[in-house]
Every structure is written in C-alpha cells, then in structure tokens.
Amino acid sequence: MRHGKKVNHLSRKTAHRKSMLANMACSLIEHKRINTTVAKAKALKVFVEPMITKSKEDTTHNRRIVFSKLRQKEAVTELFRDVAVKVADRPGGYTRIIKLGNRLGDNADMAMIELVDFNEIYNADKAKKKTTRRSRRGGSKPAAAPVETKATNEEE
C-alpha cells in the first residue's frame, strides 16, 4: 500500500527521475510549451512551479537553489530574466495542462503543459475584455454633435 506517498515515481529510479524532470523543466522554460504524457506533466508541474516562485525574487541564493535543480545555466538565466518578469504579479498557478488525447503508438494519455502568461491567444482575450466599456451613453453624443454643426454651416 502507498498511503501518504505523494511522489509519482514514473517507473524510474530516483536519479533518472530527477534528471528527466530537470531536462523537461529546462525545455519548458526555453520553449514555453511542451507535449508529454499526463503523468509526466503533473509531475513536472509540481517540480517547476516552486522554482518559478523563487525566480520572482532575484537573489544569489535563489539562483543557486534553482541551478541545483535545473543544472543548466541558460535555463536559469532565462527563468530569472524573462519568465520572472511576466509572472511577477501572479500569486501562483504558472502552468496549464491541456489534455490532447491518446498517442498512436502505445495509447498513452498525452498532454501539453505550458506557461500561462506566455500564451498570446488567451492573454489577448483578457486584454480585450479589460478595454471594453459597458456604458453606451458616451458613444452616441459625440457622433450627433458634429452632424448638427455641419447642417448649420450648410444653411448659412
């Protein structure tokens, strides 16, 4: 029985699992979205979100902690430089898992995991909603005023 054991071992030994998650996290930071199995995506989410939280505060200590997990200098640099700026005001939930269906070869459940703030399609909809106005009163008055002034100029 596996009562109280929260880590999904993914049918791998500890060293292999940590290396695989570090490589997947580096790929996610570099490409902002990757396709993988659902189980690996869920394990990656637990692995990468605390590191994104640490990247919000750019200190030497946080960089060393993240580097000890990721093991790639370029990924750490991009995480602290680009990703941390976009997620600065978000209180958590930096990744999104979207299920894609089953893989043809072995029928494994596939999913796409992506960084939420780097998806332009969803963020464009939210930006439009913020700029729209609900009041219709302001739009009709300026259109009516110039028409009346033109009519008075033609009569003279």
N, C-alpha and C. Protein backbone atom coordinates (compact mmCIF):
# COMPACT_ATOMS: atom_id res chain seq x y z
N MET A 1 0.84 -1.20 0.00
CA MET A 1 0.00 0.00 0.00
C MET A 1 0.87 1.24 0.00
N ARG A 2 0.39 2.29 -0.65
CA ARG A 2 1.19 3.50 -0.76
C ARG A 2 0.51 4.67 -0.03
N HIS A 3 0.09 4.46 1.19
CA HIS A 3 -0.54 5.52 1.97
C HIS A 3 0.46 6.63 2.24
N GLY A 4 0.06 7.86 1.98
CA GLY A 4 0.88 9.02 2.32
C GLY A 4 2.08 9.26 1.42
N LYS A 5 2.19 8.52 0.31
CA LYS A 5 3.32 8.71 -0.61
C LYS A 5 2.82 9.54 -1.78
N LYS A 6 3.28 10.78 -1.86
CA LYS A 6 2.72 11.71 -2.83
C LYS A 6 3.55 11.83 -4.10
N VAL A 7 4.75 11.28 -4.15
CA VAL A 7 5.60 11.42 -5.32
C VAL A 7 5.27 10.32 -6.31
N ASN A 8 5.00 10.70 -7.56
CA ASN A 8 4.81 9.73 -8.62
C ASN A 8 6.19 9.32 -9.12
N HIS A 9 6.54 8.06 -8.96
CA HIS A 9 7.89 7.62 -9.30
C HIS A 9 8.09 7.45 -10.80
N LEU A 10 7.02 7.44 -11.59
CA LEU A 10 7.08 7.38 -13.05
C LEU A 10 7.87 6.17 -13.55
N SER A 11 7.85 5.08 -12.81
CA SER A 11 8.56 3.83 -13.17
C SER A 11 10.04 4.05 -13.42
N ARG A 12 10.67 4.93 -12.63
CA ARG A 12 12.08 5.23 -12.78
C ARG A 12 12.74 5.30 -11.42
N LYS A 13 14.05 5.08 -11.41
CA LYS A 13 14.80 5.26 -10.18
C LYS A 13 14.96 6.75 -9.91
N THR A 14 15.39 7.10 -8.71
CA THR A 14 15.41 8.49 -8.27
C THR A 14 16.30 9.37 -9.15
N ALA A 15 17.50 8.93 -9.45
CA ALA A 15 18.42 9.76 -10.24
C ALA A 15 17.88 10.00 -11.65
N HIS A 16 17.32 8.95 -12.25
CA HIS A 16 16.76 9.09 -13.60
C HIS A 16 15.57 10.03 -13.60
N ARG A 17 14.71 9.90 -12.58
CA ARG A 17 13.52 10.75 -12.50
C ARG A 17 13.90 12.22 -12.31
N LYS A 18 14.87 12.49 -11.43
CA LYS A 18 15.28 13.89 -11.21
C LYS A 18 15.92 14.48 -12.45
N SER A 19 16.73 13.70 -13.16
CA SER A 19 17.35 14.19 -14.39
C SER A 19 16.30 14.46 -15.46
N MET A 20 15.33 13.55 -15.58
CA MET A 20 14.28 13.72 -16.57
C MET A 20 13.44 14.97 -16.29
N LEU A 21 13.07 15.17 -15.04
CA LEU A 21 12.27 16.35 -14.68
C LEU A 21 13.07 17.64 -14.87
N ALA A 22 14.37 17.60 -14.59
CA ALA A 22 15.20 18.79 -14.80
C ALA A 22 15.28 19.11 -16.29
N ASN A 23 15.45 18.10 -17.14
CA ASN A 23 15.51 18.33 -18.58
C ASN A 23 14.17 18.83 -19.11
N MET A 24 13.07 18.27 -18.62
CA MET A 24 11.76 18.72 -19.07
C MET A 24 11.48 20.15 -18.61
N ALA A 25 11.92 20.50 -17.41
CA ALA A 25 11.73 21.86 -16.91
C ALA A 25 12.53 22.85 -17.75
N CYS A 26 13.75 22.48 -18.11
CA CYS A 26 14.56 23.36 -18.97
C CYS A 26 13.91 23.54 -20.33
N SER A 27 13.35 22.47 -20.89
CA SER A 27 12.66 22.57 -22.17
C SER A 27 11.42 23.44 -22.06
N LEU A 28 10.69 23.31 -20.95
CA LEU A 28 9.50 24.13 -20.74
C LEU A 28 9.87 25.60 -20.63
N ILE A 29 10.94 25.90 -19.93
CA ILE A 29 11.36 27.30 -19.78
C ILE A 29 11.84 27.86 -21.11
N GLU A 30 12.52 27.04 -21.89
CA GLU A 30 13.05 27.51 -23.17
C GLU A 30 11.94 27.69 -24.22
N HIS A 31 11.06 26.68 -24.35
CA HIS A 31 10.06 26.70 -25.42
C HIS A 31 8.70 27.21 -24.98
N LYS A 32 8.49 27.37 -23.68
CA LYS A 32 7.25 27.87 -23.06
C LYS A 32 6.09 26.89 -23.17
N ARG A 33 6.25 25.76 -23.88
CA ARG A 33 5.19 24.77 -24.01
C ARG A 33 5.79 23.48 -24.54
N ILE A 34 5.44 22.34 -23.92
CA ILE A 34 5.94 21.05 -24.40
C ILE A 34 4.82 20.03 -24.35
N ASN A 35 4.93 19.00 -25.20
CA ASN A 35 3.99 17.89 -25.21
C ASN A 35 4.63 16.70 -24.51
N THR A 36 3.88 16.05 -23.63
CA THR A 36 4.36 14.90 -22.89
C THR A 36 3.17 14.10 -22.41
N THR A 37 3.40 13.06 -21.63
CA THR A 37 2.28 12.29 -21.08
C THR A 37 1.66 13.05 -19.91
N VAL A 38 0.45 12.68 -19.57
CA VAL A 38 -0.27 13.37 -18.49
C VAL A 38 0.45 13.18 -17.16
N ALA A 39 0.94 11.97 -16.90
CA ALA A 39 1.61 11.71 -15.62
C ALA A 39 2.89 12.53 -15.49
N LYS A 40 3.66 12.61 -16.58
CA LYS A 40 4.89 13.41 -16.54
C LYS A 40 4.57 14.90 -16.43
N ALA A 41 3.50 15.35 -17.07
CA ALA A 41 3.11 16.76 -16.99
C ALA A 41 2.73 17.14 -15.57
N LYS A 42 1.99 16.25 -14.88
CA LYS A 42 1.60 16.53 -13.50
C LYS A 42 2.81 16.54 -12.57
N ALA A 43 3.75 15.63 -12.82
CA ALA A 43 4.97 15.61 -12.00
C ALA A 43 5.83 16.85 -12.28
N LEU A 44 5.86 17.28 -13.54
CA LEU A 44 6.64 18.46 -13.92
C LEU A 44 6.04 19.72 -13.30
N LYS A 45 4.74 19.79 -13.22
CA LYS A 45 4.08 20.96 -12.62
C LYS A 45 4.51 21.12 -11.17
N VAL A 46 4.53 20.03 -10.42
CA VAL A 46 4.95 20.07 -9.02
C VAL A 46 6.44 20.45 -8.92
N PHE A 47 7.22 20.04 -9.91
CA PHE A 47 8.67 20.28 -9.89
C PHE A 47 9.01 21.74 -10.25
N VAL A 48 8.32 22.32 -11.24
CA VAL A 48 8.76 23.60 -11.80
C VAL A 48 8.10 24.81 -11.13
N GLU A 49 6.92 24.67 -10.58
CA GLU A 49 6.24 25.84 -10.02
C GLU A 49 6.95 26.44 -8.82
N PRO A 50 7.52 25.66 -7.89
CA PRO A 50 8.30 26.31 -6.82
C PRO A 50 9.52 27.06 -7.33
N MET A 51 10.11 26.60 -8.43
CA MET A 51 11.26 27.31 -8.98
C MET A 51 10.85 28.63 -9.62
N ILE A 52 9.68 28.66 -10.24
CA ILE A 52 9.19 29.92 -10.80
C ILE A 52 8.89 30.90 -9.67
N THR A 53 8.37 30.41 -8.56
CA THR A 53 8.12 31.27 -7.40
C THR A 53 9.44 31.84 -6.88
N LYS A 54 10.48 31.03 -6.82
CA LYS A 54 11.78 31.51 -6.37
C LYS A 54 12.36 32.52 -7.33
N SER A 55 12.06 32.43 -8.61
CA SER A 55 12.63 33.34 -9.59
C SER A 55 12.05 34.75 -9.48
N LYS A 56 10.94 34.91 -8.77
CA LYS A 56 10.36 36.24 -8.61
C LYS A 56 11.29 37.16 -7.83
N GLU A 57 12.02 36.61 -6.89
CA GLU A 57 12.98 37.40 -6.11
C GLU A 57 14.38 37.02 -6.57
N ASP A 58 15.03 37.91 -7.29
CA ASP A 58 16.32 37.62 -7.91
C ASP A 58 17.45 37.85 -6.92
N THR A 59 17.77 36.80 -6.17
CA THR A 59 18.90 36.85 -5.25
C THR A 59 19.88 35.74 -5.63
N THR A 60 21.09 35.88 -5.17
CA THR A 60 22.10 34.86 -5.45
C THR A 60 21.70 33.52 -4.85
N HIS A 61 21.13 33.56 -3.67
CA HIS A 61 20.71 32.33 -3.00
C HIS A 61 19.64 31.60 -3.82
N ASN A 62 18.63 32.35 -4.30
CA ASN A 62 17.57 31.72 -5.11
C ASN A 62 18.11 31.18 -6.42
N ARG A 63 19.04 31.90 -7.03
CA ARG A 63 19.65 31.41 -8.28
C ARG A 63 20.40 30.10 -8.04
N ARG A 64 21.10 29.99 -6.92
CA ARG A 64 21.85 28.77 -6.63
C ARG A 64 20.91 27.60 -6.34
N ILE A 65 19.81 27.85 -5.65
CA ILE A 65 18.85 26.79 -5.38
C ILE A 65 18.24 26.28 -6.69
N VAL A 66 17.84 27.20 -7.56
CA VAL A 66 17.23 26.81 -8.83
C VAL A 66 18.26 26.10 -9.71
N PHE A 67 19.50 26.58 -9.71
CA PHE A 67 20.53 25.95 -10.54
C PHE A 67 20.83 24.53 -10.05
N SER A 68 20.74 24.29 -8.75
CA SER A 68 20.99 22.95 -8.24
C SER A 68 19.92 21.96 -8.72
N LYS A 69 18.72 22.44 -9.02
CA LYS A 69 17.66 21.57 -9.53
C LYS A 69 17.69 21.47 -11.06
N LEU A 70 17.90 22.60 -11.76
CA LEU A 70 17.82 22.60 -13.22
C LEU A 70 19.11 22.13 -13.89
N ARG A 71 20.25 22.55 -13.37
CA ARG A 71 21.58 22.15 -13.86
C ARG A 71 21.91 22.68 -15.26
N GLN A 72 21.24 23.74 -15.72
CA GLN A 72 21.58 24.37 -16.99
C GLN A 72 21.58 25.88 -16.79
N LYS A 73 22.73 26.47 -17.04
CA LYS A 73 22.90 27.90 -16.77
C LYS A 73 21.98 28.75 -17.65
N GLU A 74 21.82 28.37 -18.92
CA GLU A 74 20.98 29.16 -19.83
C GLU A 74 19.52 29.15 -19.39
N ALA A 75 19.04 28.01 -18.91
CA ALA A 75 17.66 27.92 -18.45
C ALA A 75 17.44 28.78 -17.21
N VAL A 76 18.41 28.77 -16.29
CA VAL A 76 18.29 29.59 -15.08
C VAL A 76 18.28 31.07 -15.46
N THR A 77 19.14 31.46 -16.39
CA THR A 77 19.20 32.85 -16.83
C THR A 77 17.87 33.28 -17.45
N GLU A 78 17.32 32.44 -18.32
CA GLU A 78 16.05 32.80 -18.96
C GLU A 78 14.91 32.83 -17.96
N LEU A 79 14.94 31.92 -17.00
CA LEU A 79 13.90 31.89 -15.97
C LEU A 79 13.89 33.17 -15.16
N PHE A 80 15.06 33.62 -14.72
CA PHE A 80 15.12 34.82 -13.88
C PHE A 80 14.96 36.10 -14.70
N ARG A 81 15.34 36.08 -15.99
CA ARG A 81 15.28 37.29 -16.79
C ARG A 81 13.91 37.48 -17.45
N ASP A 82 13.41 36.46 -18.16
CA ASP A 82 12.20 36.62 -18.96
C ASP A 82 10.94 36.15 -18.24
N VAL A 83 10.98 34.95 -17.71
CA VAL A 83 9.78 34.36 -17.12
C VAL A 83 9.38 35.09 -15.85
N ALA A 84 10.34 35.44 -15.01
CA ALA A 84 10.02 36.08 -13.73
C ALA A 84 9.35 37.44 -13.93
N VAL A 85 9.69 38.14 -15.00
CA VAL A 85 9.09 39.45 -15.26
C VAL A 85 7.60 39.29 -15.59
N LYS A 86 7.26 38.27 -16.37
CA LYS A 86 5.86 38.08 -16.76
C LYS A 86 4.98 37.57 -15.62
N VAL A 87 5.55 36.78 -14.72
CA VAL A 87 4.73 36.19 -13.65
C VAL A 87 4.84 36.96 -12.35
N ALA A 88 5.39 38.16 -12.39
CA ALA A 88 5.66 38.91 -11.16
C ALA A 88 4.40 39.18 -10.35
N ASP A 89 3.27 39.45 -11.00
CA ASP A 89 2.06 39.80 -10.26
C ASP A 89 1.13 38.61 -10.05
N ARG A 90 1.48 37.43 -10.55
CA ARG A 90 0.64 36.24 -10.40
C ARG A 90 0.95 35.54 -9.09
N PRO A 91 -0.06 35.21 -8.27
CA PRO A 91 0.21 34.60 -6.96
C PRO A 91 0.45 33.10 -7.01
N GLY A 92 0.42 32.48 -8.15
CA GLY A 92 0.65 31.05 -8.28
C GLY A 92 -0.05 30.53 -9.51
N GLY A 93 0.06 29.24 -9.78
CA GLY A 93 -0.59 28.67 -10.95
C GLY A 93 0.06 29.14 -12.23
N TYR A 94 1.35 28.91 -12.37
CA TYR A 94 2.11 29.43 -13.51
C TYR A 94 2.01 28.53 -14.73
N THR A 95 1.56 27.29 -14.57
CA THR A 95 1.49 26.37 -15.70
C THR A 95 0.06 25.90 -15.90
N ARG A 96 -0.19 25.44 -17.13
CA ARG A 96 -1.51 24.93 -17.50
C ARG A 96 -1.30 23.60 -18.21
N ILE A 97 -2.09 22.59 -17.86
CA ILE A 97 -2.03 21.29 -18.50
C ILE A 97 -3.28 21.11 -19.34
N ILE A 98 -3.10 20.86 -20.64
CA ILE A 98 -4.22 20.64 -21.56
C ILE A 98 -4.09 19.23 -22.11
N LYS A 99 -5.10 18.40 -21.90
CA LYS A 99 -5.06 17.02 -22.37
C LYS A 99 -5.31 16.98 -23.87
N LEU A 100 -4.54 16.16 -24.56
CA LEU A 100 -4.57 16.12 -26.03
C LEU A 100 -5.17 14.84 -26.59
N GLY A 101 -5.36 13.82 -25.79
CA GLY A 101 -5.86 12.55 -26.32
C GLY A 101 -4.81 11.47 -26.14
N ASN A 102 -4.92 10.41 -26.92
CA ASN A 102 -4.03 9.27 -26.78
C ASN A 102 -2.99 9.23 -27.90
N ARG A 103 -1.80 8.77 -27.55
CA ARG A 103 -0.72 8.62 -28.52
C ARG A 103 -0.99 7.40 -29.39
N LEU A 104 -0.65 7.49 -30.67
CA LEU A 104 -0.94 6.41 -31.60
C LEU A 104 -0.15 5.14 -31.29
N GLY A 105 1.11 5.25 -30.94
CA GLY A 105 1.95 4.07 -30.77
C GLY A 105 1.55 3.18 -29.62
N ASP A 106 1.36 3.75 -28.44
CA ASP A 106 1.09 2.93 -27.26
C ASP A 106 -0.16 3.35 -26.50
N ASN A 107 -0.96 4.24 -27.07
CA ASN A 107 -2.23 4.67 -26.49
C ASN A 107 -2.06 5.37 -25.14
N ALA A 108 -0.90 6.04 -24.93
CA ALA A 108 -0.67 6.76 -23.69
C ALA A 108 -1.43 8.09 -23.70
N ASP A 109 -1.94 8.51 -22.54
CA ASP A 109 -2.62 9.79 -22.44
C ASP A 109 -1.60 10.91 -22.61
N MET A 110 -1.81 11.77 -23.59
CA MET A 110 -0.88 12.86 -23.88
C MET A 110 -1.46 14.18 -23.39
N ALA A 111 -0.56 15.10 -23.08
CA ALA A 111 -0.97 16.42 -22.60
C ALA A 111 0.06 17.45 -23.04
N MET A 112 -0.39 18.69 -23.11
CA MET A 112 0.50 19.81 -23.37
C MET A 112 0.57 20.63 -22.09
N ILE A 113 1.78 20.88 -21.62
CA ILE A 113 1.96 21.75 -20.45
C ILE A 113 2.61 23.02 -20.94
N GLU A 114 2.07 24.16 -20.50
CA GLU A 114 2.56 25.44 -20.98
C GLU A 114 2.59 26.45 -19.85
N LEU A 115 3.41 27.47 -20.03
CA LEU A 115 3.44 28.58 -19.08
C LEU A 115 2.26 29.50 -19.40
N VAL A 116 1.47 29.82 -18.40
CA VAL A 116 0.20 30.51 -18.61
C VAL A 116 0.40 31.90 -19.23
N ASP A 117 1.35 32.66 -18.74
CA ASP A 117 1.49 34.05 -19.19
C ASP A 117 2.09 34.18 -20.59
N PHE A 118 2.57 33.10 -21.17
CA PHE A 118 3.18 33.18 -22.49
C PHE A 118 2.24 32.72 -23.59
N ASN A 119 0.99 32.44 -23.29
CA ASN A 119 0.02 32.05 -24.30
C ASN A 119 -0.67 33.32 -24.79
N GLU A 120 -0.35 33.74 -26.02
CA GLU A 120 -0.87 35.01 -26.55
C GLU A 120 -2.37 34.93 -26.84
N ILE A 121 -2.87 33.74 -27.17
CA ILE A 121 -4.28 33.61 -27.53
C ILE A 121 -5.18 33.92 -26.34
N TYR A 122 -4.91 33.30 -25.19
CA TYR A 122 -5.72 33.54 -24.01
C TYR A 122 -5.50 34.94 -23.45
N ASN A 123 -4.28 35.42 -23.47
CA ASN A 123 -3.99 36.74 -22.92
C ASN A 123 -4.57 37.85 -23.79
N ALA A 124 -4.70 37.64 -25.10
CA ALA A 124 -5.30 38.65 -25.97
C ALA A 124 -6.78 38.82 -25.64
N ASP A 125 -7.47 37.73 -25.34
CA ASP A 125 -8.89 37.83 -24.98
C ASP A 125 -9.07 38.60 -23.67
N LYS A 126 -8.20 38.36 -22.71
CA LYS A 126 -8.31 39.06 -21.43
C LYS A 126 -8.01 40.54 -21.59
N ALA A 127 -7.07 40.90 -22.46
CA ALA A 127 -6.75 42.30 -22.68
C ALA A 127 -7.93 43.02 -23.34
N LYS A 128 -8.62 42.37 -24.26
CA LYS A 128 -9.77 42.98 -24.91
C LYS A 128 -10.90 43.20 -23.91
N LYS A 129 -11.11 42.25 -23.02
CA LYS A 129 -12.18 42.38 -22.05
C LYS A 129 -11.94 43.54 -21.09
N LYS A 130 -10.69 43.81 -20.79
CA LYS A 130 -10.38 44.90 -19.88
C LYS A 130 -10.61 46.26 -20.54
N THR A 131 -10.43 46.36 -21.85
CA THR A 131 -10.54 47.65 -22.51
C THR A 131 -11.97 47.97 -22.93
N THR A 132 -12.87 47.00 -22.99
CA THR A 132 -14.23 47.29 -23.43
C THR A 132 -14.99 48.01 -22.34
N ARG A 133 -15.96 48.82 -22.79
CA ARG A 133 -16.79 49.57 -21.85
C ARG A 133 -18.19 49.03 -21.90
N ARG A 134 -18.87 49.09 -20.77
CA ARG A 134 -20.24 48.60 -20.73
C ARG A 134 -21.24 49.73 -20.98
N SER A 135 -20.86 50.95 -20.78
CA SER A 135 -21.77 52.08 -20.95
C SER A 135 -21.89 52.44 -22.42
N ARG A 136 -23.10 52.69 -22.87
CA ARG A 136 -23.31 53.08 -24.26
C ARG A 136 -23.58 54.57 -24.37
N ARG A 137 -23.63 55.25 -23.27
CA ARG A 137 -24.02 56.65 -23.26
C ARG A 137 -22.98 57.54 -23.92
N GLY A 138 -21.70 57.25 -23.70
CA GLY A 138 -20.67 58.15 -24.20
C GLY A 138 -20.47 58.09 -25.70
N GLY A 139 -20.82 57.00 -26.36
CA GLY A 139 -20.54 56.85 -27.79
C GLY A 139 -21.49 57.59 -28.69
N SER A 140 -22.73 57.84 -28.28
CA SER A 140 -23.71 58.42 -29.18
C SER A 140 -23.66 59.95 -29.22
N LYS A 141 -23.28 60.62 -28.16
CA LYS A 141 -23.30 62.08 -28.12
C LYS A 141 -22.26 62.73 -29.03
N PRO A 142 -20.99 62.30 -29.07
CA PRO A 142 -20.04 62.96 -29.96
C PRO A 142 -20.39 62.78 -31.44
N ALA A 143 -21.00 61.69 -31.81
CA ALA A 143 -21.36 61.46 -33.21
C ALA A 143 -22.48 62.40 -33.63
N ALA A 144 -23.40 62.72 -32.75
CA ALA A 144 -24.53 63.59 -33.08
C ALA A 144 -24.11 65.06 -33.14
N ALA A 145 -23.16 65.47 -32.35
CA ALA A 145 -22.78 66.88 -32.29
C ALA A 145 -22.14 67.38 -33.60
N PRO A 146 -21.19 66.70 -34.23
CA PRO A 146 -20.62 67.22 -35.47
C PRO A 146 -21.62 67.25 -36.62
N VAL A 147 -22.59 66.38 -36.64
CA VAL A 147 -23.58 66.36 -37.70
C VAL A 147 -24.42 67.63 -37.65
N GLU A 148 -24.80 68.05 -36.46
CA GLU A 148 -25.60 69.26 -36.32
C GLU A 148 -24.81 70.50 -36.73
N THR A 149 -23.52 70.56 -36.42
CA THR A 149 -22.74 71.75 -36.78
C THR A 149 -22.57 71.82 -38.29
N LYS A 150 -22.46 70.69 -38.98
CA LYS A 150 -22.36 70.71 -40.43
C LYS A 150 -23.66 71.19 -41.05
N ALA A 151 -24.78 70.77 -40.47
CA ALA A 151 -26.08 71.18 -41.01
C ALA A 151 -26.27 72.68 -40.85
N THR A 152 -25.84 73.28 -39.76
CA THR A 152 -25.99 74.71 -39.57
C THR A 152 -25.08 75.49 -40.51
N ASN A 153 -23.90 74.93 -40.83
CA ASN A 153 -23.00 75.63 -41.76
C ASN A 153 -23.55 75.62 -43.17
N GLU A 154 -24.25 74.56 -43.57
CA GLU A 154 -24.81 74.49 -44.92
C GLU A 154 -25.99 75.45 -45.07
N GLU A 155 -26.74 75.68 -44.01
CA GLU A 155 -27.91 76.57 -44.09
C GLU A 155 -27.50 78.02 -44.30
N GLU A 156 -26.36 78.43 -43.82
CA GLU A 156 -25.93 79.82 -43.91
C GLU A 156 -25.48 80.15 -45.25
